[in-house]
Amino acid sequence: KRFNKAKQLEHNPKGEWMLQTRLLDKVVSAKGKVNIVDNSSLKNEVIEAIGPRLNVFWSLNKNTDDLVVLETVLEEGSLFSPMKQERTTVHFEV
């Protein structure tokens, strides 16, 4: 699995994260280049910080080797307010 995902990212390293408020009145998008970070100390730090909140992940994946850390080098971000039909976009220098 991991090998295939790494190959996919090598072929197309672009990714987008999308977050929204519970009321769905604001949507934030962040786009950029995605890298797989292969650093065991960083992975352990991430597991310690967010691992207790990943109940569904741990129920499906018993082995911490299945967890990967993704780094996104931001190129663009936007804030969209659906009710107002307003979008603000910023571009980051890479």
N, C-alpha and C. Protein backbone atom coordinates (compact mmCIF):
# COMPACT_ATOMS: atom_id res chain seq x y z
N LYS A 1 0.82 -1.19 0.00
CA LYS A 1 0.00 0.00 0.00
C LYS A 1 0.87 1.25 0.00
N ARG A 2 1.77 1.34 0.94
CA ARG A 2 2.56 2.55 1.10
C ARG A 2 3.38 2.84 -0.15
N PHE A 3 3.93 1.79 -0.77
CA PHE A 3 4.73 1.97 -1.97
C PHE A 3 3.90 2.60 -3.08
N ASN A 4 2.68 2.12 -3.27
CA ASN A 4 1.81 2.65 -4.31
C ASN A 4 1.45 4.11 -4.06
N LYS A 5 1.16 4.45 -2.82
CA LYS A 5 0.82 5.84 -2.48
C LYS A 5 2.03 6.74 -2.70
N ALA A 6 3.21 6.27 -2.34
CA ALA A 6 4.42 7.06 -2.55
C ALA A 6 4.64 7.29 -4.04
N LYS A 7 4.43 6.27 -4.86
CA LYS A 7 4.58 6.42 -6.31
C LYS A 7 3.55 7.41 -6.85
N GLN A 8 2.33 7.37 -6.34
CA GLN A 8 1.31 8.31 -6.79
C GLN A 8 1.73 9.75 -6.47
N LEU A 9 2.28 9.95 -5.28
CA LEU A 9 2.72 11.30 -4.90
C LEU A 9 3.92 11.75 -5.72
N GLU A 10 4.79 10.83 -6.09
CA GLU A 10 5.91 11.19 -6.97
C GLU A 10 5.39 11.64 -8.32
N HIS A 11 4.37 10.96 -8.83
CA HIS A 11 3.80 11.28 -10.13
C HIS A 11 3.01 12.59 -10.09
N ASN A 12 2.24 12.80 -9.01
CA ASN A 12 1.42 14.00 -8.87
C ASN A 12 1.44 14.44 -7.41
N PRO A 13 2.40 15.29 -7.02
CA PRO A 13 2.55 15.65 -5.61
C PRO A 13 1.61 16.75 -5.11
N LYS A 14 0.64 17.13 -5.90
CA LYS A 14 -0.29 18.19 -5.49
C LYS A 14 -1.40 17.63 -4.61
N GLY A 15 -1.78 18.41 -3.61
CA GLY A 15 -2.85 17.98 -2.73
C GLY A 15 -3.64 19.18 -2.24
N GLU A 16 -4.80 18.91 -1.69
CA GLU A 16 -5.64 19.97 -1.15
C GLU A 16 -6.31 19.49 0.12
N TRP A 17 -6.28 20.35 1.13
CA TRP A 17 -6.97 20.09 2.39
C TRP A 17 -8.18 21.04 2.44
N MET A 18 -9.30 20.53 2.91
CA MET A 18 -10.49 21.36 3.04
C MET A 18 -11.07 21.16 4.43
N LEU A 19 -11.32 22.28 5.11
CA LEU A 19 -11.89 22.26 6.46
C LEU A 19 -13.10 23.18 6.47
N GLN A 20 -14.07 22.83 7.29
CA GLN A 20 -15.25 23.68 7.39
C GLN A 20 -15.70 23.77 8.83
N THR A 21 -16.41 24.85 9.14
CA THR A 21 -16.96 25.01 10.47
C THR A 21 -18.18 24.09 10.63
N ARG A 22 -18.57 23.85 11.85
CA ARG A 22 -19.73 23.00 12.10
C ARG A 22 -21.01 23.60 11.49
N LEU A 23 -21.07 24.91 11.44
CA LEU A 23 -22.25 25.57 10.88
C LEU A 23 -22.21 25.65 9.35
N LEU A 24 -21.10 25.21 8.75
CA LEU A 24 -20.89 25.25 7.31
C LEU A 24 -20.92 26.67 6.76
N ASP A 25 -20.63 27.66 7.62
CA ASP A 25 -20.65 29.04 7.15
C ASP A 25 -19.28 29.52 6.65
N LYS A 26 -18.26 28.73 6.90
CA LYS A 26 -16.92 29.06 6.41
C LYS A 26 -16.22 27.77 5.98
N VAL A 27 -15.55 27.85 4.83
CA VAL A 27 -14.80 26.72 4.30
C VAL A 27 -13.40 27.21 3.98
N VAL A 28 -12.40 26.56 4.53
CA VAL A 28 -11.01 26.91 4.28
C VAL A 28 -10.38 25.81 3.43
N SER A 29 -9.70 26.21 2.37
CA SER A 29 -8.98 25.26 1.51
C SER A 29 -7.51 25.65 1.49
N ALA A 30 -6.66 24.65 1.51
CA ALA A 30 -5.21 24.88 1.42
C ALA A 30 -4.67 23.92 0.37
N LYS A 31 -3.93 24.45 -0.60
CA LYS A 31 -3.38 23.64 -1.69
C LYS A 31 -1.86 23.74 -1.67
N GLY A 32 -1.21 22.66 -2.10
CA GLY A 32 0.24 22.70 -2.19
C GLY A 32 0.83 21.37 -2.55
N LYS A 33 2.15 21.31 -2.45
CA LYS A 33 2.89 20.09 -2.76
C LYS A 33 2.93 19.22 -1.50
N VAL A 34 2.62 17.93 -1.68
CA VAL A 34 2.57 16.99 -0.56
C VAL A 34 3.80 16.09 -0.60
N ASN A 35 4.44 15.94 0.55
CA ASN A 35 5.59 15.06 0.71
C ASN A 35 5.30 14.05 1.81
N ILE A 36 5.73 12.82 1.63
CA ILE A 36 5.69 11.84 2.71
C ILE A 36 6.95 12.05 3.54
N VAL A 37 6.77 12.29 4.84
CA VAL A 37 7.91 12.51 5.72
C VAL A 37 8.26 11.18 6.37
N ASP A 38 9.44 10.69 6.04
CA ASP A 38 9.89 9.39 6.56
C ASP A 38 10.90 9.64 7.67
N ASN A 39 10.38 10.05 8.83
CA ASN A 39 11.21 10.39 9.97
C ASN A 39 10.55 9.77 11.20
N SER A 40 11.18 8.76 11.79
CA SER A 40 10.55 8.02 12.88
C SER A 40 10.31 8.88 14.12
N SER A 41 11.19 9.83 14.42
CA SER A 41 10.96 10.65 15.61
C SER A 41 9.78 11.60 15.40
N LEU A 42 9.62 12.13 14.19
CA LEU A 42 8.46 12.98 13.89
C LEU A 42 7.18 12.15 13.93
N LYS A 43 7.23 10.96 13.37
CA LYS A 43 6.07 10.07 13.38
C LYS A 43 5.65 9.76 14.82
N ASN A 44 6.61 9.46 15.69
CA ASN A 44 6.30 9.19 17.10
C ASN A 44 5.70 10.42 17.78
N GLU A 45 6.20 11.59 17.42
CA GLU A 45 5.67 12.84 17.99
C GLU A 45 4.21 13.05 17.56
N VAL A 46 3.93 12.77 16.31
CA VAL A 46 2.56 12.90 15.80
C VAL A 46 1.65 11.88 16.48
N ILE A 47 2.10 10.65 16.61
CA ILE A 47 1.30 9.61 17.28
C ILE A 47 0.99 10.02 18.72
N GLU A 48 1.98 10.57 19.40
CA GLU A 48 1.78 11.00 20.79
C GLU A 48 0.79 12.16 20.87
N ALA A 49 0.87 13.09 19.91
CA ALA A 49 0.02 14.28 19.95
C ALA A 49 -1.43 13.99 19.54
N ILE A 50 -1.63 13.23 18.46
CA ILE A 50 -3.00 13.05 17.96
C ILE A 50 -3.49 11.60 18.01
N GLY A 51 -2.60 10.68 18.33
CA GLY A 51 -2.97 9.26 18.37
C GLY A 51 -4.19 8.93 19.20
N PRO A 52 -4.32 9.50 20.41
CA PRO A 52 -5.48 9.19 21.24
C PRO A 52 -6.81 9.60 20.60
N ARG A 53 -6.79 10.51 19.62
CA ARG A 53 -8.03 10.97 18.97
C ARG A 53 -8.33 10.24 17.66
N LEU A 54 -7.53 9.22 17.34
CA LEU A 54 -7.70 8.50 16.08
C LEU A 54 -8.34 7.12 16.30
N ASN A 55 -9.43 7.10 17.03
CA ASN A 55 -10.08 5.83 17.40
C ASN A 55 -10.46 4.98 16.19
N VAL A 56 -11.03 5.60 15.17
CA VAL A 56 -11.43 4.84 13.98
C VAL A 56 -10.20 4.29 13.26
N PHE A 57 -9.17 5.12 13.13
CA PHE A 57 -7.93 4.67 12.48
C PHE A 57 -7.37 3.46 13.21
N TRP A 58 -7.26 3.52 14.54
CA TRP A 58 -6.66 2.42 15.30
C TRP A 58 -7.54 1.18 15.25
N SER A 59 -8.86 1.33 15.15
CA SER A 59 -9.72 0.14 15.07
C SER A 59 -9.53 -0.59 13.74
N LEU A 60 -9.13 0.13 12.69
CA LEU A 60 -8.92 -0.48 11.37
C LEU A 60 -7.45 -0.84 11.12
N ASN A 61 -6.54 -0.19 11.83
CA ASN A 61 -5.10 -0.37 11.61
C ASN A 61 -4.42 -0.58 12.96
N LYS A 62 -4.12 -1.80 13.27
CA LYS A 62 -3.53 -2.11 14.57
C LYS A 62 -2.05 -1.76 14.66
N ASN A 63 -1.40 -1.59 13.53
CA ASN A 63 0.03 -1.39 13.48
C ASN A 63 0.36 0.08 13.20
N THR A 64 1.20 0.69 14.02
CA THR A 64 1.56 2.10 13.80
C THR A 64 2.38 2.28 12.52
N ASP A 65 2.87 1.20 11.94
CA ASP A 65 3.59 1.31 10.67
C ASP A 65 2.67 1.75 9.53
N ASP A 66 1.36 1.61 9.72
CA ASP A 66 0.39 2.02 8.70
C ASP A 66 0.17 3.53 8.68
N LEU A 67 0.67 4.22 9.68
CA LEU A 67 0.50 5.67 9.76
C LEU A 67 1.65 6.36 9.03
N VAL A 68 1.33 7.31 8.19
CA VAL A 68 2.36 8.12 7.53
C VAL A 68 2.11 9.59 7.87
N VAL A 69 3.18 10.35 7.85
CA VAL A 69 3.09 11.79 8.09
C VAL A 69 3.22 12.48 6.74
N LEU A 70 2.24 13.32 6.43
CA LEU A 70 2.26 14.08 5.19
C LEU A 70 2.56 15.54 5.49
N GLU A 71 3.49 16.09 4.76
CA GLU A 71 3.81 17.51 4.86
C GLU A 71 3.26 18.19 3.62
N THR A 72 2.56 19.28 3.82
CA THR A 72 2.05 20.05 2.68
C THR A 72 2.75 21.40 2.66
N VAL A 73 3.48 21.66 1.58
CA VAL A 73 4.12 22.96 1.38
C VAL A 73 3.07 23.84 0.71
N LEU A 74 2.53 24.78 1.47
CA LEU A 74 1.40 25.56 1.00
C LEU A 74 1.77 26.48 -0.16
N GLU A 75 0.91 26.47 -1.17
CA GLU A 75 1.05 27.35 -2.33
C GLU A 75 -0.11 28.32 -2.43
N GLU A 76 -1.28 27.89 -1.94
CA GLU A 76 -2.48 28.73 -2.04
C GLU A 76 -3.43 28.38 -0.92
N GLY A 77 -4.12 29.38 -0.41
CA GLY A 77 -5.15 29.17 0.59
C GLY A 77 -6.35 30.04 0.28
N SER A 78 -7.53 29.56 0.67
CA SER A 78 -8.73 30.38 0.43
C SER A 78 -9.72 30.19 1.57
N LEU A 79 -10.49 31.25 1.78
CA LEU A 79 -11.59 31.24 2.74
C LEU A 79 -12.85 31.53 1.96
N PHE A 80 -13.83 30.64 2.04
CA PHE A 80 -15.08 30.80 1.32
C PHE A 80 -16.21 30.89 2.32
N SER A 81 -17.06 31.90 2.16
CA SER A 81 -18.27 32.06 2.98
C SER A 81 -19.47 31.80 2.08
N PRO A 82 -20.02 30.57 2.12
CA PRO A 82 -21.10 30.21 1.19
C PRO A 82 -22.34 31.11 1.29
N MET A 83 -22.71 31.49 2.48
CA MET A 83 -23.93 32.29 2.64
C MET A 83 -23.77 33.68 2.03
N LYS A 84 -22.55 34.20 2.02
CA LYS A 84 -22.28 35.52 1.45
C LYS A 84 -21.75 35.45 0.03
N GLN A 85 -21.44 34.21 -0.43
CA GLN A 85 -20.84 34.01 -1.75
C GLN A 85 -19.56 34.84 -1.89
N GLU A 86 -18.73 34.84 -0.82
CA GLU A 86 -17.47 35.58 -0.82
C GLU A 86 -16.31 34.60 -0.69
N ARG A 87 -15.27 34.84 -1.49
CA ARG A 87 -14.07 34.02 -1.42
C ARG A 87 -12.85 34.95 -1.38
N THR A 88 -11.95 34.66 -0.46
CA THR A 88 -10.68 35.36 -0.38
C THR A 88 -9.58 34.33 -0.59
N THR A 89 -8.66 34.63 -1.51
CA THR A 89 -7.59 33.69 -1.82
C THR A 89 -6.25 34.37 -1.62
N VAL A 90 -5.31 33.62 -1.05
CA VAL A 90 -3.93 34.11 -0.89
C VAL A 90 -2.99 33.11 -1.55
N HIS A 91 -1.90 33.61 -2.09
CA HIS A 91 -0.87 32.76 -2.70
C HIS A 91 0.41 32.89 -1.87
N PHE A 92 1.08 31.78 -1.65
CA PHE A 92 2.31 31.75 -0.86
C PHE A 92 3.49 31.53 -1.79
N GLU A 93 4.57 32.21 -1.50
CA GLU A 93 5.79 31.98 -2.27
C GLU A 93 6.42 30.69 -1.80
N VAL A 94 6.85 29.90 -2.74
CA VAL A 94 7.44 28.60 -2.41
C VAL A 94 8.94 28.69 -2.57
